[in-house]
């Protein structure tokens, strides 16, 4: 089934492709394959340089999106122009029940009217494909979750035209790391009653199942009061994080409370980290994908202790930075904590949402 420019989603047994009639003459829409990764990376870098000032997406990330594992949860449309050059790319990602991540990237080198036409076609496709995913999950409504750099007025205009609303602002923060951070005198003072340890590994080198369950359960409970939290099953959580090319099991930490009120350590917080590749010959960094603290344990230095663990680990590995994302309107005081620990905002992004009726 093909579709033109009608934005109204309808349930269908299979999601459609972008119709040739919705595209400039000579353009084609295809489902990208692994062989297209180089073209897609170049497209992403052109977009990032104009919208943000630097290109950060890695080849490993694109390869992961197009891998067999990545294609289990993602659907793609690649648009090539009359010369077969990759000009636009849309992806929808089945992130969790009721939430679909949407990415639409359009070549900044296109003249404005052509770019608007292409963006409209891809956002229309994304709505149909998102509705189809929601239909498969048995939902009446699903959330389309997309985003833009704060300085990218073009992307923001397209999102608004496609029915999205700006819902949140995020600070992308980074803290420099030096060898001195690994020295005892360079670390924050340990907090009484808080012990941080890595996720334990079993004899086969894989993480102990009980610790992975602990990480998942703590994050689900800790994020209940956070913006746009959607429940994610244990299998969805672990499978998704293992797809990340920066994933490393030895970058997962659990913070436990140890005091006289309980004879055994009690999980209080967790941090899931990853490797953040450096550009060119630059050193790698570490990235905090998740840091969650149970409400009952907040105010006891758990988050600060976990941050110290990842900073020390990064310094010991010879990395030059630790990065993270934080909700600019977080009710937990996270922004103040990160600022006090030396993190500074590198750039700003936005979340844009659309609640999409799926039908039945």
Protein backbone atom coordinates (compact mmCIF):
# COMPACT_ATOMS: atom_id res chain seq x y z
CA UNK A 1 0.00 0.00 0.00
CA UNK A 2 1.30 3.47 -0.89
CA UNK A 3 0.33 6.77 0.64
CA UNK A 4 0.40 10.31 -0.50
CA UNK A 5 0.06 13.38 1.69
CA UNK A 6 -3.02 12.47 3.79
CA UNK A 7 -1.76 12.67 7.42
CA UNK A 8 -4.67 10.76 8.98
CA UNK A 9 -3.38 7.38 10.20
CA UNK A 10 -5.42 4.25 9.67
CA UNK A 11 -4.77 0.74 11.00
CA UNK A 12 -3.40 -1.61 8.38
CA UNK A 13 -1.97 -5.12 8.43
CA UNK A 14 1.31 -3.84 6.95
CA UNK A 15 2.82 -0.39 7.17
CA UNK A 16 2.99 1.47 3.83
CA UNK A 17 5.85 2.92 1.85
CA UNK A 18 6.12 6.55 0.80
CA UNK A 19 4.33 6.98 -2.52
CA UNK A 20 6.37 8.14 -5.49
CA UNK A 21 3.68 10.76 -6.13
CA UNK A 22 4.51 12.38 -2.78
CA UNK A 23 8.17 12.87 -3.77
CA UNK A 24 10.09 15.06 -6.19
CA UNK A 25 10.37 13.65 -9.73
CA UNK A 26 12.88 10.82 -10.02
CA UNK A 27 13.11 10.18 -6.28
CA UNK A 28 12.57 6.72 -4.83
CA UNK A 29 11.72 5.39 -1.37
CA UNK A 30 13.44 2.18 -0.25
CA UNK A 31 13.95 0.23 2.93
CA UNK A 32 17.64 0.73 3.77
CA UNK A 33 19.98 -2.22 4.10
CA UNK A 34 23.34 -2.62 5.84
CA UNK A 35 25.10 -1.58 2.64
CA UNK A 36 23.44 1.86 2.91
CA UNK A 37 25.05 2.67 6.29
CA UNK A 38 27.83 4.83 4.85
CA UNK A 39 25.40 7.00 2.89
CA UNK A 40 23.13 7.36 5.92
CA UNK A 41 26.01 8.33 8.18
CA UNK A 42 27.09 11.04 5.73
CA UNK A 43 23.50 12.33 5.63
CA UNK A 44 23.30 12.43 9.43
CA UNK A 45 26.60 14.29 9.66
CA UNK A 46 25.46 16.93 7.17
CA UNK A 47 22.30 17.43 9.22
CA UNK A 48 24.12 17.57 12.57
CA UNK A 49 26.73 20.07 11.37
CA UNK A 50 24.06 22.52 10.25
CA UNK A 51 21.55 21.96 13.07
CA UNK A 52 23.99 21.62 15.93
CA UNK A 53 27.48 22.67 14.88
CA UNK A 54 29.17 19.28 15.18
CA UNK A 55 28.68 15.72 13.98
CA UNK A 56 28.55 13.08 16.69
CA UNK A 57 26.72 10.02 15.35
CA UNK A 58 29.05 7.05 14.87
CA UNK A 59 29.08 4.39 12.16
CA UNK A 60 28.48 1.76 14.85
CA UNK A 61 25.19 3.45 15.78
CA UNK A 62 23.94 3.38 12.18
CA UNK A 63 25.10 -0.20 11.73
CA UNK A 64 23.18 -1.14 14.87
CA UNK A 65 19.99 0.48 13.58
CA UNK A 66 20.23 -1.54 10.37
CA UNK A 67 21.33 -4.82 11.98
CA UNK A 68 19.10 -7.87 12.28
CA UNK A 69 18.56 -7.06 15.97
CA UNK A 70 17.86 -3.40 15.27
CA UNK A 71 15.32 -4.20 12.57
CA UNK A 72 13.26 -6.22 15.04
CA UNK A 73 12.11 -2.96 16.67
CA UNK A 74 12.67 -0.38 13.91
CA UNK A 75 11.15 0.49 10.56
CA UNK A 76 12.90 2.72 8.05
CA UNK A 77 12.40 4.70 4.87
CA UNK A 78 15.35 6.01 2.88
CA UNK A 79 14.76 8.54 0.12
CA UNK A 80 17.21 8.78 -2.77
CA UNK A 81 17.11 11.53 -5.37
CA UNK A 82 17.30 11.18 -9.15
CA UNK A 83 21.09 10.73 -8.88
CA UNK A 84 20.66 7.99 -6.24
CA UNK A 85 22.09 10.20 -3.48
CA UNK A 86 20.69 9.61 0.03
CA UNK A 87 18.66 12.72 0.82
CA UNK A 88 16.35 11.83 3.71
CA UNK A 89 15.84 9.08 6.25
CA UNK A 90 12.94 8.32 8.58
CA UNK A 91 12.95 5.78 11.40
CA UNK A 92 10.32 4.68 13.87
CA UNK A 93 11.45 2.70 16.90
CA UNK A 94 9.07 0.63 19.02
CA UNK A 95 10.51 1.94 22.29
CA UNK A 96 7.91 0.67 24.80
CA UNK A 97 4.21 -0.01 25.07
CA UNK A 98 2.48 3.19 23.97
CA UNK A 99 5.64 5.03 22.89
CA UNK A 100 7.26 5.16 19.45
CA UNK A 101 10.46 7.14 18.83
CA UNK A 102 10.37 9.00 15.52
CA UNK A 103 13.37 10.38 13.65
CA UNK A 104 13.15 12.31 10.38
CA UNK A 105 16.39 13.60 8.89
CA UNK A 106 16.36 15.72 5.73
CA UNK A 107 19.47 16.85 3.87
CA UNK A 108 20.17 20.52 4.70
CA UNK A 109 21.57 21.00 1.18
CA UNK A 110 18.09 20.70 -0.35
CA UNK A 111 16.35 23.87 -1.43
CA UNK A 112 13.59 24.81 1.07
CA UNK A 113 10.50 23.85 -0.95
CA UNK A 114 11.90 20.42 -1.78
CA UNK A 115 12.96 19.89 1.83
CA UNK A 116 9.44 20.79 3.05
CA UNK A 117 7.86 18.36 0.60
CA UNK A 118 10.18 15.53 1.65
CA UNK A 119 9.70 16.20 5.37
CA UNK A 120 5.92 16.15 4.97
CA UNK A 121 6.07 12.83 3.12
CA UNK A 122 8.25 11.22 5.78
CA UNK A 123 6.25 12.49 8.75
CA UNK A 124 3.11 11.19 7.02
CA UNK A 125 4.78 7.79 6.57
CA UNK A 126 5.90 7.83 10.22
CA UNK A 127 2.32 8.40 11.37
CA UNK A 128 1.03 5.43 9.37
CA UNK A 129 3.86 3.18 10.51
CA UNK A 130 3.44 4.27 14.14
CA UNK A 131 -0.28 3.58 13.98
CA UNK A 132 0.45 0.12 12.62
CA UNK A 133 2.79 -0.61 15.55
CA UNK A 134 0.16 0.61 17.98
CA UNK A 135 -2.45 -1.53 16.25
CA UNK A 136 -0.21 -4.60 16.65
CA UNK A 137 0.10 -3.82 20.38
CA UNK A 138 -3.67 -3.49 20.73
CA UNK A 139 -3.58 0.21 21.66
CA UNK A 140 -6.17 2.91 21.05
CA UNK A 141 -3.57 5.70 21.19
CA UNK A 142 0.20 5.68 20.91
CA UNK A 143 2.68 8.47 21.53
CA UNK A 144 4.96 9.60 18.74
CA UNK A 145 8.09 10.90 20.47
CA UNK A 146 10.47 12.95 18.32
CA UNK A 147 12.95 15.73 18.93
CA UNK A 148 15.06 18.58 17.63
CA UNK A 149 18.15 20.54 18.53
CA UNK A 150 17.23 23.77 20.27
CA UNK A 151 18.71 25.87 17.44
CA UNK A 152 17.12 23.89 14.60
CA UNK A 153 14.12 26.04 13.68
CA UNK A 154 13.56 24.09 10.45
CA UNK A 155 13.03 20.77 12.24
CA UNK A 156 10.84 22.42 14.85
CA UNK A 157 8.62 23.89 12.13
CA UNK A 158 8.22 20.50 10.50
CA UNK A 159 7.32 18.90 13.81
CA UNK A 160 4.67 21.52 14.52
CA UNK A 161 3.23 21.10 11.03
CA UNK A 162 3.05 17.33 11.61
CA UNK A 163 0.97 17.78 14.75
CA UNK A 164 3.73 17.54 17.36
CA UNK A 165 3.98 19.76 20.45
CA UNK A 166 7.19 20.81 22.20
CA UNK A 167 6.91 19.08 25.58
CA UNK A 168 10.33 19.18 27.24
CA UNK A 169 13.82 20.62 27.09
CA UNK A 170 16.96 18.59 27.81
CA UNK A 171 20.45 19.71 28.74
CA UNK A 172 23.21 17.60 27.24
CA UNK A 173 25.92 17.94 29.86
CA UNK A 174 29.56 16.92 30.01
CA UNK A 175 32.27 16.87 32.66
CA UNK A 176 35.98 16.77 31.79
CA UNK A 177 37.96 13.88 33.26
CA UNK A 178 41.68 13.84 34.01
CA UNK A 179 44.01 11.25 35.57
CA UNK A 180 43.75 13.19 38.85
CA UNK A 181 40.11 12.06 39.14
CA UNK A 182 41.32 8.50 39.69
CA UNK A 183 43.45 9.49 42.69
CA UNK A 184 41.86 9.13 46.14
CA UNK A 185 42.34 12.83 46.89
CA UNK A 186 40.52 13.75 43.67
CA UNK A 187 37.30 11.93 44.58
CA UNK A 188 34.24 13.16 46.40
CA UNK A 189 34.05 12.07 50.00
CA UNK A 190 32.20 8.74 50.40
CA UNK A 191 28.75 9.03 51.92
CA UNK A 192 28.15 7.11 55.13
CA UNK A 193 26.04 4.02 54.63
CA UNK A 194 26.32 4.03 50.80
CA UNK A 195 28.28 1.29 49.04
CA UNK A 196 28.66 1.26 45.24
CA UNK A 197 29.58 -1.92 43.38
CA UNK A 198 29.55 -3.13 39.80
CA UNK A 199 26.98 -5.59 38.57
CA UNK A 200 28.40 -9.00 39.41
CA UNK A 201 29.49 -11.34 36.63
CA UNK A 202 28.78 -15.05 36.66
CA UNK A 203 31.36 -17.73 35.83
CA UNK A 204 30.45 -17.55 32.13
CA UNK A 205 31.33 -13.85 32.03
CA UNK A 206 27.72 -12.71 31.73
CA UNK A 207 26.11 -10.57 34.43
CA UNK A 208 24.31 -12.25 37.28
CA UNK A 209 20.60 -12.36 36.48
CA UNK A 210 19.64 -11.24 39.97
CA UNK A 211 21.68 -8.04 39.56
CA UNK A 212 20.17 -7.27 36.16
CA UNK A 213 16.71 -7.69 37.62
CA UNK A 214 17.71 -5.35 40.45
CA UNK A 215 18.85 -2.69 37.96
CA UNK A 216 15.62 -2.93 35.99
CA UNK A 217 13.38 -2.90 39.06
CA UNK A 218 15.17 0.07 40.65
CA UNK A 219 14.96 2.11 37.44
CA UNK A 220 11.28 1.32 36.92
CA UNK A 221 10.45 2.42 40.47
CA UNK A 222 12.82 5.41 40.49
CA UNK A 223 11.47 6.81 37.21
CA UNK A 224 7.80 6.47 38.07
CA UNK A 225 7.63 10.20 38.87
CA UNK A 226 9.83 11.25 35.94
CA UNK A 227 8.64 12.92 32.75
CA UNK A 228 7.19 10.61 30.08
CA UNK A 229 8.01 7.36 31.84
CA UNK A 230 6.60 4.30 30.07
CA UNK A 231 6.78 0.88 31.69
CA UNK A 232 9.29 -1.38 29.96
CA UNK A 233 9.52 -5.12 30.56
CA UNK A 234 12.76 -6.67 31.73
CA UNK A 235 13.34 -8.36 28.36
CA UNK A 236 12.65 -5.13 26.46
CA UNK A 237 15.02 -3.22 28.74
CA UNK A 238 17.97 -5.60 28.52
CA UNK A 239 17.56 -6.29 24.80
CA UNK A 240 17.43 -2.58 23.99
CA UNK A 241 20.52 -1.68 25.97
CA UNK A 242 22.50 -4.56 24.53
CA UNK A 243 21.83 -3.14 21.04
CA UNK A 244 23.73 0.03 21.98
CA UNK A 245 27.21 -0.18 20.39
CA UNK A 246 28.61 1.49 23.51
CA UNK A 247 27.14 -1.16 25.81
CA UNK A 248 29.50 -2.75 28.35
CA UNK A 249 28.37 -4.89 31.30
CA UNK A 250 31.23 -3.53 33.43
CA UNK A 251 29.71 -0.03 33.12
CA UNK A 252 26.69 -0.93 35.27
CA UNK A 253 26.73 -0.06 38.99
CA UNK A 254 24.41 -0.69 41.93
CA UNK A 255 24.38 1.53 45.03
CA UNK A 256 23.30 -0.12 48.28
CA UNK A 257 22.47 1.24 51.70
CA UNK A 258 24.25 -0.41 54.58
CA UNK A 259 23.27 0.71 58.08
CA UNK A 260 22.02 -0.49 61.44
CA UNK A 261 18.38 -0.48 60.35
CA UNK A 262 18.84 -3.55 58.16
CA UNK A 263 21.17 -6.55 58.47
CA UNK A 264 21.63 -6.82 54.68
CA UNK A 265 22.53 -4.26 51.98
CA UNK A 266 19.46 -2.73 50.33
CA UNK A 267 19.49 -1.56 46.67
CA UNK A 268 18.99 2.20 46.59
CA UNK A 269 20.13 3.37 43.17
CA UNK A 270 21.70 2.24 39.92
CA UNK A 271 23.77 3.72 37.10
CA UNK A 272 23.92 2.27 33.60
CA UNK A 273 26.87 3.62 31.66
CA UNK A 274 28.26 3.17 28.16
CA UNK A 275 31.29 4.01 26.05
CA UNK A 276 31.05 7.29 24.12
CA UNK A 277 33.50 7.10 21.17
CA UNK A 278 35.74 10.06 20.52
CA UNK A 279 35.78 11.81 17.15
CA UNK A 280 38.70 10.78 14.97
CA UNK A 281 41.74 10.14 17.14
CA UNK A 282 40.22 11.78 20.23
CA UNK A 283 39.91 9.68 23.40
CA UNK A 284 36.72 7.85 24.22
CA UNK A 285 34.42 9.13 26.95
CA UNK A 286 31.90 7.53 29.26
CA UNK A 287 28.18 8.21 29.08
CA UNK A 288 25.54 7.94 31.79
CA UNK A 289 22.57 6.35 30.04
CA UNK A 290 20.55 5.99 33.27
CA UNK A 291 20.96 7.11 36.85
CA UNK A 292 18.02 6.31 39.11
CA UNK A 293 17.59 6.52 42.88
CA UNK A 294 14.62 5.17 44.80
CA UNK A 295 12.48 7.89 46.34
CA UNK A 296 13.00 6.37 49.79
CA UNK A 297 16.79 6.77 49.40
CA UNK A 298 16.99 10.28 47.98
CA UNK A 299 18.93 12.85 49.94
CA UNK A 300 21.47 10.30 51.24
CA UNK A 301 24.22 10.84 48.69
CA UNK A 302 23.35 7.85 46.52
CA UNK A 303 23.36 9.70 43.18
CA UNK A 304 26.58 11.53 44.03
CA UNK A 305 28.24 8.25 44.99
CA UNK A 306 27.24 6.67 41.68
CA UNK A 307 28.56 9.69 39.75
CA UNK A 308 31.86 9.39 41.59
CA UNK A 309 32.08 5.74 40.55
CA UNK A 310 31.62 6.47 36.85
CA UNK A 311 34.02 9.44 36.89
CA UNK A 312 36.74 7.42 38.66
CA UNK A 313 36.21 4.54 36.26
CA UNK A 314 36.51 6.87 33.26
CA UNK A 315 39.75 8.34 34.62
CA UNK A 316 41.20 4.89 35.22
CA UNK A 317 40.40 3.94 31.61
CA UNK A 318 42.15 7.04 30.27
CA UNK A 319 38.97 8.73 29.07
CA UNK A 320 38.61 12.49 28.88
CA UNK A 321 34.94 13.10 29.75
CA UNK A 322 31.67 11.82 31.17
CA UNK A 323 28.43 12.89 29.49
CA UNK A 324 24.76 12.68 30.38
CA UNK A 325 21.34 14.09 29.58
CA UNK A 326 19.14 15.79 32.17
CA UNK A 327 15.60 17.11 32.13
CA UNK A 328 15.87 20.90 32.42
CA UNK A 329 12.73 20.84 34.59
CA UNK A 330 13.62 17.77 36.66
CA UNK A 331 11.81 17.84 40.02
CA UNK A 332 14.56 15.80 41.71
CA UNK A 333 17.26 18.48 41.85
CA UNK A 334 19.39 16.55 39.35
CA UNK A 335 20.53 19.68 37.53
CA UNK A 336 21.98 21.19 40.71
CA UNK A 337 23.70 17.91 41.56
CA UNK A 338 25.36 17.59 38.16
CA UNK A 339 26.43 21.22 38.16
CA UNK A 340 27.99 20.83 41.60
CA UNK A 341 29.91 17.80 40.31
CA UNK A 342 31.47 19.78 37.46
CA UNK A 343 29.05 19.02 34.62
CA UNK A 344 28.31 21.84 32.19
CA UNK A 345 25.75 22.11 29.39
CA UNK A 346 27.29 21.42 25.98
CA UNK A 347 24.09 21.84 23.96
CA UNK A 348 20.31 21.68 24.31
CA UNK A 349 17.71 19.41 22.73
CA UNK A 350 13.92 19.28 22.77
CA UNK A 351 11.27 16.58 22.99
CA UNK A 352 8.23 16.90 20.72
CA UNK A 353 5.22 14.62 21.18
CA UNK A 354 2.08 13.72 19.27
CA UNK A 355 -0.68 11.50 20.69
CA UNK A 356 -1.74 9.41 17.71
CA UNK A 357 -5.14 7.67 17.56
CA UNK A 358 -4.64 4.11 16.39
CA UNK A 359 -8.17 2.80 16.03
CA UNK A 360 -9.32 -0.74 16.54
